Each structure stands twice: as C-alpha cells, then as structure tokens.
Protein backbone atom coordinates (compact mmCIF):
# COMPACT_ATOMS: atom_id res chain seq x y z
CA UNK A 1 0.00 0.00 0.00
CA UNK A 2 2.82 2.43 0.84
CA UNK A 3 4.41 1.64 -2.49
CA UNK A 4 1.26 2.62 -4.38
CA UNK A 5 1.09 5.88 -2.42
CA UNK A 6 4.67 6.79 -3.35
CA UNK A 7 3.99 5.89 -6.97
CA UNK A 8 0.95 8.21 -7.00
CA UNK A 9 2.97 11.06 -5.45
CA UNK A 10 5.82 10.50 -7.92
CA UNK A 11 3.43 10.45 -10.87
CA UNK A 12 1.76 13.67 -9.62
CA UNK A 13 5.14 15.41 -9.22
CA UNK A 14 6.25 14.35 -12.69
CA UNK A 15 3.02 15.45 -14.38
CA UNK A 16 2.74 18.77 -12.52
CA UNK A 17 5.34 20.59 -14.66
CA UNK A 18 3.65 19.34 -17.83
CA UNK A 19 0.36 20.88 -16.74
CA UNK A 20 1.96 24.19 -15.71
CA UNK A 21 3.79 24.55 -19.03
CA UNK A 22 0.62 24.63 -21.09
CA UNK A 23 0.32 27.90 -22.96
CA UNK A 24 -2.25 30.32 -21.69
CA UNK A 25 -3.97 32.31 -24.38
CA UNK A 26 -4.25 36.00 -23.63
CA UNK A 27 -6.25 38.34 -25.79
CA UNK A 28 -4.01 41.17 -26.92
CA UNK A 29 -5.50 44.33 -28.36
CA UNK A 30 -2.66 46.09 -30.12
CA UNK A 31 -2.91 49.82 -30.63
CA UNK A 32 -0.75 52.55 -32.07
CA UNK A 33 -0.73 56.31 -31.74
CA UNK A 34 -0.84 58.38 -34.90
CA UNK A 35 0.42 61.84 -34.02
CA UNK A 36 0.73 63.50 -37.44
CA UNK A 37 -1.52 66.31 -38.69
CA UNK A 38 -2.67 64.36 -41.75
CA UNK A 39 -3.95 60.84 -41.21
CA UNK A 40 -2.55 59.06 -44.24
CA UNK A 41 -0.51 55.99 -43.31
CA UNK A 42 2.10 55.11 -45.91
CA UNK A 43 2.10 51.69 -47.57
CA UNK A 44 4.93 50.64 -45.29
CA UNK A 45 3.05 51.83 -42.19
CA UNK A 46 -0.15 50.09 -43.30
CA UNK A 47 1.69 46.85 -44.03
CA UNK A 48 3.43 46.99 -40.67
CA UNK A 49 0.14 47.62 -38.85
CA UNK A 50 -1.45 44.64 -40.63
CA UNK A 51 1.58 42.44 -39.91
CA UNK A 52 1.40 43.35 -36.22
CA UNK A 53 -2.39 42.77 -36.22
CA UNK A 54 -3.11 46.24 -34.86
CA UNK A 55 -6.76 46.73 -33.95
CA UNK A 56 -6.83 50.21 -32.44
CA UNK A 57 -5.57 53.53 -33.76
CA UNK A 58 -5.27 56.44 -31.35
CA UNK A 59 -5.42 59.55 -33.50
CA UNK A 60 -4.40 62.94 -32.13
CA UNK A 61 -7.18 65.29 -33.19
CA UNK A 62 -5.50 68.51 -32.04
CA UNK A 63 -3.60 70.10 -29.19
CA UNK A 64 -5.05 72.72 -26.87
CA UNK A 65 -2.62 75.53 -26.06
CA UNK A 66 -2.74 79.09 -24.73
CA UNK A 67 -1.03 82.43 -25.18
CA UNK A 68 -1.82 85.56 -23.19
CA UNK A 69 -4.62 83.62 -21.44
CA UNK A 70 -6.30 82.89 -24.77
CA UNK A 71 -6.95 79.14 -25.18
CA UNK A 72 -6.97 77.83 -28.76
CA UNK A 73 -6.62 74.60 -30.79
CA UNK A 74 -3.34 73.81 -32.50
CA UNK A 75 -2.64 71.66 -35.57
CA UNK A 76 -5.95 69.85 -36.07
CA UNK A 77 -5.65 66.55 -37.90
CA UNK A 78 -7.05 66.04 -41.37
CA UNK A 79 -8.83 62.73 -41.70
CA UNK A 80 -9.81 60.89 -44.87
CA UNK A 81 -13.52 60.78 -45.70
CA UNK A 82 -13.51 56.99 -45.35
CA UNK A 83 -11.43 55.56 -42.52
CA UNK A 84 -10.07 52.02 -42.69
CA UNK A 85 -12.85 49.89 -41.15
CA UNK A 86 -10.38 47.33 -39.81
CA UNK A 87 -9.44 49.67 -36.95
CA UNK A 88 -11.20 50.95 -33.89
CA UNK A 89 -10.40 54.67 -33.76
CA UNK A 90 -9.90 56.47 -30.48
CA UNK A 91 -9.45 60.22 -30.79
CA UNK A 92 -6.80 61.81 -28.56
CA UNK A 93 -6.47 65.45 -27.58
CA UNK A 94 -3.35 66.87 -25.94
CA UNK A 95 -3.75 69.76 -23.50
CA UNK A 96 -0.67 71.83 -22.66
CA UNK A 97 0.25 73.21 -19.27
CA UNK A 98 -0.20 76.74 -20.65
CA UNK A 99 -3.81 75.92 -21.50
CA UNK A 100 -4.46 74.54 -18.02
CA UNK A 101 -2.92 77.63 -16.43
CA UNK A 102 -5.22 79.82 -18.55
CA UNK A 103 -8.34 77.97 -17.36
CA UNK A 104 -10.53 79.78 -14.89
CA UNK A 105 -13.83 78.86 -13.27
CA UNK A 106 -15.44 81.40 -15.60
CA UNK A 107 -14.12 79.93 -18.86
CA UNK A 108 -13.82 76.20 -18.15
CA UNK A 109 -17.26 75.23 -19.48
CA UNK A 110 -16.80 77.41 -22.59
CA UNK A 111 -13.43 75.78 -23.28
CA UNK A 112 -14.93 72.31 -22.75
CA UNK A 113 -17.75 73.03 -25.21
CA UNK A 114 -15.26 74.39 -27.77
CA UNK A 115 -13.05 71.30 -27.44
CA UNK A 116 -16.07 69.01 -27.67
CA UNK A 117 -17.49 70.80 -30.72
CA UNK A 118 -14.18 70.78 -32.54
CA UNK A 119 -13.60 67.09 -31.76
CA UNK A 120 -17.14 66.24 -32.90
CA UNK A 121 -16.62 68.15 -36.16
CA UNK A 122 -13.33 66.43 -36.94
CA UNK A 123 -14.76 63.00 -36.11
CA UNK A 124 -17.87 63.61 -38.22
CA UNK A 125 -15.75 64.77 -41.16
CA UNK A 126 -13.71 61.58 -40.95
CA UNK A 127 -16.75 59.32 -40.42
CA UNK A 128 -15.52 58.27 -36.98
CA UNK A 129 -18.01 57.63 -34.20
CA UNK A 130 -15.83 57.33 -31.12
CA UNK A 131 -16.91 55.10 -28.26
CA UNK A 132 -14.24 56.72 -26.11
CA UNK A 133 -11.79 59.58 -26.27
CA UNK A 134 -8.41 60.10 -24.69
CA UNK A 135 -7.43 63.40 -23.13
CA UNK A 136 -3.67 63.58 -22.75
CA UNK A 137 -1.98 66.05 -20.43
CA UNK A 138 1.13 66.28 -18.31
CA UNK A 139 -0.65 67.92 -15.39
CA UNK A 140 1.22 68.92 -12.26
CA UNK A 141 0.20 69.49 -8.67
CA UNK A 142 -0.49 73.14 -9.55
CA UNK A 143 -2.76 72.26 -12.50
CA UNK A 144 -4.32 69.03 -11.22
CA UNK A 145 -7.59 70.59 -10.05
CA UNK A 146 -8.04 72.55 -13.29
CA UNK A 147 -7.34 69.45 -15.39
CA UNK A 148 -9.91 67.29 -13.61
CA UNK A 149 -12.47 70.11 -13.65
CA UNK A 150 -11.94 70.33 -17.41
CA UNK A 151 -12.46 66.57 -17.72
CA UNK A 152 -15.74 66.82 -15.79
CA UNK A 153 -16.83 69.73 -17.99
CA UNK A 154 -15.92 67.77 -21.14
CA UNK A 155 -17.93 64.80 -19.94
CA UNK A 156 -20.94 67.02 -19.30
CA UNK A 157 -20.95 68.24 -22.93
CA UNK A 158 -22.46 64.91 -23.97
CA UNK A 159 -20.19 64.33 -26.97
CA UNK A 160 -18.05 61.77 -25.16
CA UNK A 161 -20.67 59.13 -24.48
CA UNK A 162 -18.20 56.28 -23.98
CA UNK A 163 -17.46 54.42 -20.79
C-alpha cells in the first residue's frame, strides 16, 4: 500500500510541470498612436500595422494651447472621408500646461464646449463615431484641479458618451 502511495505522489510530481507549461492564451489588443496632422498611413506603415495585427488607432485630433490667457486649438488633424474599417479609432487630444494655467472657473465650461465641438466636427468629417476619447496632459500638482475640472466639464458636454 505504501508503495502505491509513493507511486501516485511521484506520478503527480512528474506530471505537474507538464500541466503548468501549457500555454495560456491571452487576448491582446494592439494599438498605435498616430500623431501626425494628416492621417494618411504610408504603404509601409499600413503593411506593418497589418503584420502586427493592430486593432486600435489612437489619433491625435489637435492640441489645446494658450497664449496671453487665450486658449486655442493647435494643428488639427485632417482625416480621410472613409477611414479604414479594420481599426477601432480612439481620438486623442493633448492639453498643454499653458492651456491649463489659462483655465478659470469662468471659462472652463466654454473651453470644454469648444473642445467638444471641434472634436465632434473632426470625427464627423472623418466618419468616426468614437466610443471613447483620450485626453492627454502632463498635469502637475499646480494644474491638477483645473485638469480634472476640465475633464468633468468635457464629460458634461455629452459628446463623449463612452465608458
């Protein structure tokens, strides 16, 4: 009886590594950022994206900057009329520190509506219906409150209906 018990333990120990070495399949959603002002991937870029099985394209729509406390869009992207349907497009907007410093409680909702309207116009012109949008910013401790207030104001515009 003891011999059978040792045989069972030995068999278990020998088979354990085989079970733990089985490949686990993880779903990978590959995405790339496209940060040029004209969305027109070259043949090489398109081939590389296909080869890498990219599913998501993050496209910078425009930057938000400021000068003399005037907040304005910079370098809006030009999109083709018919985007490649093999990608999920996620618009991205970059907000500079200067723009955050120019935000005030009096202008934050106006700026949010302007950003939302411009993003909606660019997306509509490129036949993109975003399910989400990415707001990129290198906020600091001095601009943190303004940045998150702007995010709340952007969400309240209703354009960004995603998650």
